Amino acid sequence: MTANAPTEIVTVAPRKVDFCESWYYPDIMDLPAETRKLFEQYSNVPAEDVVDHIQRMVRPFISRTSLRDPCPLSRHPLYPEVIARLRPQIDLEAQEIESLNISGQNSGISYLHPSPQLLLDLGCCLAQDLRKLVFDGVPSENLYGLDIEKGFIDLSYDMFKDRATMKSHFVVEDMLLADVNKDRGLDAHTSSNRPLVVSTPGSTSLASLENRMSIIVANSIFHLYNYADQLQLAKRVVQLLSPERGSLVLGRQVGSSQPGEYKAVNNQGTRYAHDSTSFRQFWDRVAEDVGDGCKFRVEAILDEEELGDNKSQGQNWSEPNIRRMRFGVWRE
């Protein structure tokens, strides 16, 4: 593509995965009320058509867990803080907001946040969390999504019926390859076999986001990798994070009451599962590697919510000490 050539918009279907009864619902029987509300009031799908619309759009691309809890960010205990920071404030260049703790209670710690605040959703898939944020009053132009599958991003506009109104920005990139490609002098268009350009008013490059993101959502990302790769990924996340005090990384992931390396989901290599203590130590290591006085306030909790099915179905990555972890990491 030459410098003066027009941008080509390519629509790509997401890759199908092998069907497995332990990962997919044959039918959606327990669609959360908030999800139904999102489709009815944001996407204007008639109430009687919501379930059929979702099943027709996503099966067999999306796992049963994603259908059961399709907007996990809104259920995170730090979601009220996220909303308070992202909603526009009239005539305010900055606002002081009291931070929450990981239990959703006031922490007694306040941060002064410049306006506007920008959010990046890592592994955004169908960008359902971004649509929920828009539905809850956040300007879509302040939201960014990243995924390695361009097809999911394309499909999301049909899923939510908002191609003409959604102004968020998307990057198709592999976070773990980003530094390698940057060191080699490659831009985002050449950094993978997947095209960067997506059917959106705001396609962008990963490098352009560095030091700009006020909030980064990392749901179900870190737990896919071994400790060394998690460390590399976290340092890349810090590069994207705003240097402002109070900039936040939050999410949920699979943890373990016995932290360590476990069999990876794809049976190739290992994945590291944290408990609360190892997760704090992990981010201390990240801060040490980043240097320049980098420091984080880290909070994480473990519980067993939503993991019962995984244990009973004998999925190959499940183990007796498996837990759900929810976390918040604030820059100090």
Protein backbone atom coordinates (compact mmCIF):
# COMPACT_ATOMS: atom_id res chain seq x y z
CA MET A 1 0.00 0.00 0.00
CA THR A 2 1.49 3.35 -1.01
CA ALA A 3 1.30 6.46 1.14
CA ASN A 4 -1.36 8.01 -1.11
CA ALA A 5 -3.42 4.87 -1.64
CA PRO A 6 -6.95 4.91 -0.21
CA THR A 7 -7.51 2.85 2.92
CA GLU A 8 -9.10 -0.48 2.13
CA ILE A 9 -11.77 -1.65 4.52
CA VAL A 10 -11.80 -5.42 4.81
CA THR A 11 -14.43 -7.37 6.70
CA VAL A 12 -13.21 -10.65 8.14
CA ALA A 13 -15.28 -13.37 9.81
CA PRO A 14 -13.96 -14.65 13.13
CA ARG A 15 -12.39 -18.09 13.07
CA LYS A 16 -14.64 -20.93 14.15
CA VAL A 17 -13.42 -23.15 16.95
CA ASP A 18 -13.99 -26.86 17.50
CA PHE A 19 -17.40 -27.38 19.03
CA CYS A 20 -17.30 -28.83 22.53
CA GLU A 21 -20.35 -29.30 24.74
CA SER A 22 -18.38 -28.34 27.85
CA TRP A 23 -17.67 -24.90 26.39
CA TYR A 24 -20.92 -23.98 24.61
CA TYR A 25 -24.56 -23.70 25.50
CA PRO A 26 -26.83 -25.36 22.94
CA ASP A 27 -29.31 -22.64 23.92
CA ILE A 28 -29.09 -19.48 26.01
CA MET A 29 -31.41 -20.15 28.93
CA ASP A 30 -30.13 -17.71 31.57
CA LEU A 31 -29.31 -14.46 29.77
CA PRO A 32 -28.60 -11.84 32.46
CA ALA A 33 -31.22 -9.10 32.80
CA GLU A 34 -28.60 -6.37 32.25
CA THR A 35 -27.50 -8.02 29.01
CA ARG A 36 -31.07 -8.24 27.76
CA LYS A 37 -31.55 -4.58 28.67
CA LEU A 38 -28.45 -3.63 26.69
CA PHE A 39 -29.72 -5.32 23.53
CA GLU A 40 -33.25 -4.01 23.92
CA GLN A 41 -32.42 -0.39 24.75
CA TYR A 42 -28.98 0.16 23.19
CA SER A 43 -29.25 -2.04 20.09
CA ASN A 44 -33.05 -1.72 19.74
CA VAL A 45 -33.55 -5.46 19.33
CA PRO A 46 -37.18 -6.43 20.10
CA ALA A 47 -37.45 -8.26 23.42
CA GLU A 48 -38.78 -11.42 21.83
CA ASP A 49 -35.85 -11.53 19.38
CA VAL A 50 -32.91 -10.94 21.75
CA VAL A 51 -31.92 -14.54 22.41
CA ASP A 52 -32.29 -15.57 18.78
CA HIS A 53 -30.29 -12.53 17.66
CA ILE A 54 -27.39 -13.34 20.00
CA GLN A 55 -27.30 -17.03 19.12
CA ARG A 56 -27.41 -16.30 15.42
CA MET A 57 -24.55 -13.81 15.71
CA VAL A 58 -22.06 -15.58 17.94
CA ARG A 59 -22.43 -19.37 17.94
CA PRO A 60 -20.08 -21.17 17.55
CA PHE A 61 -17.53 -18.40 18.00
CA ILE A 62 -18.03 -17.47 21.67
CA SER A 63 -17.60 -19.68 24.71
CA ARG A 64 -20.41 -20.56 27.09
CA THR A 65 -18.73 -18.46 29.79
CA SER A 66 -18.86 -15.39 27.55
CA LEU A 67 -22.56 -15.89 26.92
CA ARG A 68 -23.30 -16.39 30.60
CA ASP A 69 -21.48 -13.21 31.63
CA PRO A 70 -21.05 -11.16 28.44
CA CYS A 71 -20.27 -7.82 30.14
CA PRO A 72 -17.91 -8.73 33.00
CA LEU A 73 -16.54 -5.22 33.49
CA SER A 74 -19.92 -3.96 34.70
CA ARG A 75 -19.85 -6.59 37.47
CA HIS A 76 -16.37 -5.69 38.67
CA PRO A 77 -16.35 -3.98 42.09
CA LEU A 78 -14.36 -1.07 40.61
CA TYR A 79 -16.92 -0.36 37.87
CA PRO A 80 -18.42 2.65 39.73
CA GLU A 81 -14.95 4.22 39.84
CA VAL A 82 -14.51 3.55 36.12
CA ILE A 83 -17.85 5.20 35.31
CA ALA A 84 -17.13 8.21 37.56
CA ARG A 85 -13.84 8.79 35.78
CA LEU A 86 -15.06 8.32 32.22
CA ARG A 87 -18.33 10.22 32.22
CA PRO A 88 -17.85 13.77 30.89
CA GLN A 89 -17.58 16.56 33.44
CA ILE A 90 -18.85 19.97 32.35
CA ASP A 91 -16.21 22.75 32.41
CA LEU A 92 -13.72 20.65 34.42
CA GLU A 93 -10.15 20.14 33.23
CA ALA A 94 -9.55 17.72 36.10
CA GLN A 95 -11.59 16.08 38.83
CA GLU A 96 -10.66 14.56 42.17
CA ILE A 97 -12.25 11.15 42.64
CA GLU A 98 -11.99 8.93 45.68
CA SER A 99 -10.71 5.54 44.67
CA LEU A 100 -12.47 2.33 45.67
CA ASN A 101 -10.86 -0.78 47.10
CA ILE A 102 -11.24 -4.17 45.49
CA SER A 103 -14.34 -4.86 47.60
CA GLY A 104 -16.06 -1.82 46.08
CA GLN A 105 -15.83 0.32 49.22
CA ASN A 106 -14.24 3.76 49.54
CA SER A 107 -10.50 3.35 50.04
CA GLY A 108 -9.85 6.78 51.57
CA ILE A 109 -7.39 7.45 48.72
CA SER A 110 -8.15 10.18 46.18
CA TYR A 111 -6.61 10.84 42.78
CA LEU A 112 -6.82 13.97 40.64
CA HIS A 113 -7.77 12.83 37.15
CA PRO A 114 -7.37 15.00 34.04
CA SER A 115 -10.26 15.10 31.58
CA PRO A 116 -11.03 13.37 29.33
CA GLN A 117 -10.11 9.92 30.62
CA LEU A 118 -9.40 7.21 28.03
CA LEU A 119 -10.01 3.46 28.44
CA LEU A 120 -8.48 0.50 26.59
CA ASP A 121 -10.08 -2.96 26.67
CA LEU A 122 -7.45 -5.67 26.03
CA GLY A 123 -8.80 -8.73 24.26
CA CYS A 124 -12.05 -6.87 23.65
CA CYS A 125 -13.58 -9.65 21.47
CA LEU A 126 -17.01 -8.25 20.49
CA ALA A 127 -16.33 -5.09 22.51
CA GLN A 128 -19.42 -5.76 24.59
CA ASP A 129 -17.92 -4.03 27.63
CA LEU A 130 -17.34 -0.92 25.55
CA ARG A 131 -20.98 -0.93 24.44
CA LYS A 132 -22.08 -1.24 28.07
CA LEU A 133 -19.92 1.76 28.98
CA VAL A 134 -21.49 3.80 26.18
CA PHE A 135 -24.95 2.72 27.34
CA ASP A 136 -24.02 3.92 30.84
CA GLY A 137 -23.09 7.39 29.60
CA VAL A 138 -19.44 7.23 28.50
CA PRO A 139 -18.57 8.98 25.19
CA SER A 140 -17.68 6.22 22.72
CA GLU A 141 -14.84 8.26 21.20
CA ASN A 142 -12.92 7.95 24.50
CA LEU A 143 -12.94 4.14 24.36
CA TYR A 144 -10.40 1.85 22.70
CA GLY A 145 -10.41 -1.89 22.08
CA LEU A 146 -7.65 -4.32 21.15
CA ASP A 147 -7.96 -7.88 19.87
CA ILE A 148 -5.88 -10.22 17.73
CA GLU A 149 -9.03 -11.27 15.82
CA LYS A 150 -10.27 -8.61 13.43
CA GLY A 151 -13.33 -10.71 12.68
CA PHE A 152 -14.69 -10.25 16.18
CA ILE A 153 -14.50 -6.47 15.85
CA ASP A 154 -16.26 -6.54 12.49
CA LEU A 155 -18.95 -8.87 13.83
CA SER A 156 -19.54 -6.61 16.83
CA TYR A 157 -21.16 -3.90 14.69
CA ASP A 158 -23.77 -6.34 13.44
CA MET A 159 -24.16 -7.79 16.92
CA PHE A 160 -24.96 -4.41 18.47
CA LYS A 161 -26.40 -2.66 15.40
CA ASP A 162 -24.30 0.48 15.92
CA ARG A 163 -22.01 0.78 12.91
CA ALA A 164 -23.28 4.31 12.22
CA THR A 165 -23.00 5.57 15.81
CA MET A 166 -20.12 3.76 17.55
CA LYS A 167 -17.05 6.02 17.45
CA SER A 168 -14.63 3.92 19.48
CA HIS A 169 -11.16 3.07 18.19
CA PHE A 170 -9.80 -0.43 17.58
CA VAL A 171 -6.41 -2.03 17.17
CA VAL A 172 -5.78 -5.49 15.73
CA GLU A 173 -2.49 -6.53 17.28
CA ASP A 174 -0.72 -9.13 19.41
CA MET A 175 0.49 -7.43 22.60
CA LEU A 176 3.28 -9.95 23.14
CA LEU A 177 4.68 -9.25 19.66
CA ALA A 178 4.34 -5.48 19.86
CA ASP A 179 7.78 -4.76 21.35
CA VAL A 180 9.48 -7.21 18.98
CA ASN A 181 7.92 -5.56 15.95
CA LYS A 182 8.69 -2.09 17.25
CA ASP A 183 12.35 -3.02 17.76
CA ARG A 184 12.47 -4.28 14.16
CA GLY A 185 11.03 -1.02 12.86
CA LEU A 186 7.75 -2.61 11.77
CA ASP A 187 4.50 -0.68 11.94
CA ALA A 188 1.16 -2.11 12.99
CA HIS A 189 0.23 -2.99 9.40
CA THR A 190 3.18 -5.37 9.10
CA SER A 191 3.32 -6.68 12.65
CA SER A 192 1.04 -9.65 12.03
CA ASN A 193 -0.76 -11.53 9.29
CA ARG A 194 -4.03 -9.87 10.28
CA PRO A 195 -4.91 -6.50 8.76
CA LEU A 196 -5.05 -3.54 11.12
CA VAL A 197 -7.74 -1.64 9.23
CA VAL A 198 -11.19 -2.43 10.57
CA SER A 199 -14.67 -1.28 9.68
CA THR A 200 -14.76 1.54 12.21
CA PRO A 201 -14.41 5.32 12.14
CA GLY A 202 -11.47 5.06 14.55
CA SER A 203 -8.97 2.36 13.63
CA THR A 204 -5.58 3.15 15.12
CA SER A 205 -2.16 1.73 15.98
CA LEU A 206 -0.92 0.38 19.28
CA ALA A 207 2.11 2.65 19.37
CA SER A 208 -0.14 5.72 19.18
CA LEU A 209 -1.72 4.75 22.52
CA GLU A 210 1.48 4.77 24.58
CA ASN A 211 1.31 6.84 27.81
CA ARG A 212 -2.32 7.82 27.04
CA MET A 213 -4.61 5.24 28.63
CA SER A 214 -6.13 6.26 31.96
CA ILE A 215 -7.78 2.86 32.47
CA ILE A 216 -6.83 -0.50 30.97
CA VAL A 217 -9.19 -3.47 31.27
CA ALA A 218 -7.46 -6.87 31.28
CA ASN A 219 -10.18 -9.47 31.68
CA SER A 220 -9.08 -13.09 31.14
CA ILE A 221 -5.73 -12.10 29.64
CA PHE A 222 -2.80 -12.66 32.00
CA HIS A 223 -3.90 -16.14 33.06
CA LEU A 224 -3.34 -17.46 29.53
CA TYR A 225 0.44 -17.16 29.80
CA ASN A 226 3.38 -18.44 31.80
CA TYR A 227 5.06 -16.16 34.32
CA ALA A 228 7.72 -14.85 31.93
CA ASP A 229 5.18 -13.96 29.25
CA GLN A 230 2.89 -12.35 31.85
CA LEU A 231 5.82 -10.18 32.88
CA GLN A 232 6.45 -9.11 29.29
CA LEU A 233 2.75 -8.40 28.77
CA ALA A 234 2.46 -6.36 31.97
CA LYS A 235 5.43 -4.19 31.04
CA ARG A 236 3.80 -3.53 27.66
CA VAL A 237 0.60 -2.57 29.48
CA VAL A 238 2.56 -0.08 31.59
CA GLN A 239 3.89 1.49 28.38
CA LEU A 240 0.32 2.19 27.33
CA LEU A 241 -0.77 3.43 30.76
CA SER A 242 -0.89 7.16 31.46
CA PRO A 243 1.94 8.35 33.73
CA GLU A 244 -0.65 10.14 35.88
CA ARG A 245 -0.98 8.94 39.47
CA GLY A 246 -4.11 6.82 39.81
CA SER A 247 -4.02 5.36 36.29
CA LEU A 248 -5.68 1.97 36.63
CA VAL A 249 -5.38 -1.58 35.34
CA LEU A 250 -8.30 -3.79 36.39
CA GLY A 251 -9.84 -7.09 35.50
CA ARG A 252 -10.58 -10.65 36.45
CA GLN A 253 -8.83 -13.90 35.68
CA VAL A 254 -8.39 -17.49 36.77
CA GLY A 255 -6.26 -17.74 39.91
CA SER A 256 -5.37 -20.45 42.37
CA SER A 257 -5.06 -20.84 46.12
CA GLN A 258 -1.77 -22.59 45.28
CA PRO A 259 0.06 -20.21 42.90
CA GLY A 260 2.31 -21.70 40.27
CA GLU A 261 2.65 -22.98 36.72
CA TYR A 262 -0.17 -25.22 35.45
CA LYS A 263 -0.97 -26.90 32.15
CA ALA A 264 -1.94 -24.37 29.51
CA VAL A 265 -5.44 -24.38 28.02
CA ASN A 266 -4.11 -25.54 24.65
CA ASN A 267 -1.88 -28.20 26.27
CA GLN A 268 1.15 -26.38 24.91
CA GLY A 269 3.39 -25.11 27.68
CA THR A 270 2.17 -23.72 30.98
CA ARG A 271 0.13 -20.88 32.40
CA TYR A 272 0.80 -19.17 35.73
CA ALA A 273 -2.08 -18.91 38.21
CA HIS A 274 -1.74 -16.30 40.98
CA ASP A 275 -3.11 -15.89 44.44
CA SER A 276 -3.43 -12.41 45.98
CA THR A 277 0.09 -12.44 47.44
CA SER A 278 1.86 -13.65 44.30
CA PHE A 279 -0.08 -11.13 42.23
CA ARG A 280 1.14 -8.24 44.40
CA GLN A 281 4.68 -9.58 44.20
CA PHE A 282 4.31 -9.88 40.44
CA TRP A 283 3.48 -6.18 40.08
CA ASP A 284 6.36 -5.29 42.41
CA ARG A 285 8.58 -7.12 39.93
CA VAL A 286 6.99 -5.22 37.04
CA ALA A 287 7.67 -1.90 38.80
CA GLU A 288 11.26 -2.92 39.46
CA ASP A 289 11.82 -3.85 35.82
CA VAL A 290 10.19 -0.65 34.53
CA GLY A 291 12.30 1.50 36.89
CA ASP A 292 12.19 5.33 36.97
CA GLY A 293 10.46 5.26 40.35
CA CYS A 294 7.51 3.23 39.04
CA LYS A 295 5.26 2.03 41.86
CA PHE A 296 1.83 0.43 42.06
CA ARG A 297 -0.93 0.02 44.62
CA VAL A 298 -2.23 -3.52 44.08
CA GLU A 299 -5.38 -5.17 45.40
CA ALA A 300 -6.69 -8.64 44.51
CA ILE A 301 -9.25 -11.06 45.91
CA LEU A 302 -9.98 -14.72 45.22
CA ASP A 303 -13.37 -16.43 45.26
CA GLU A 304 -15.04 -19.46 43.68
CA GLU A 305 -17.92 -17.70 41.94
CA GLU A 306 -18.72 -18.99 38.42
CA LEU A 307 -16.08 -21.72 38.57
CA GLY A 308 -18.25 -24.64 39.61
CA ASP A 309 -19.00 -25.70 36.03
CA ASN A 310 -15.33 -25.70 35.15
CA LYS A 311 -14.53 -28.11 37.99
CA SER A 312 -17.43 -30.46 37.30
CA GLN A 313 -16.81 -30.61 33.54
CA GLY A 314 -13.20 -31.68 33.91
CA GLN A 315 -11.79 -29.08 31.53
CA ASN A 316 -8.08 -29.66 31.03
CA TRP A 317 -7.00 -26.37 32.60
CA SER A 318 -9.12 -26.83 35.71
CA GLU A 319 -7.48 -27.98 38.93
CA PRO A 320 -8.72 -28.46 42.52
CA ASN A 321 -7.36 -25.13 43.78
CA ILE A 322 -8.80 -23.02 40.97
CA ARG A 323 -10.30 -19.68 41.99
CA ARG A 324 -11.59 -16.52 40.33
CA MET A 325 -9.39 -13.47 40.90
CA ARG A 326 -10.53 -9.86 40.61
CA PHE A 327 -7.92 -7.15 40.79
CA GLY A 328 -7.08 -3.47 40.60
CA VAL A 329 -3.61 -2.01 39.99
CA TRP A 330 -3.21 1.76 40.44
CA ARG A 331 -0.11 3.73 39.46
CA GLU A 332 1.32 5.62 42.44
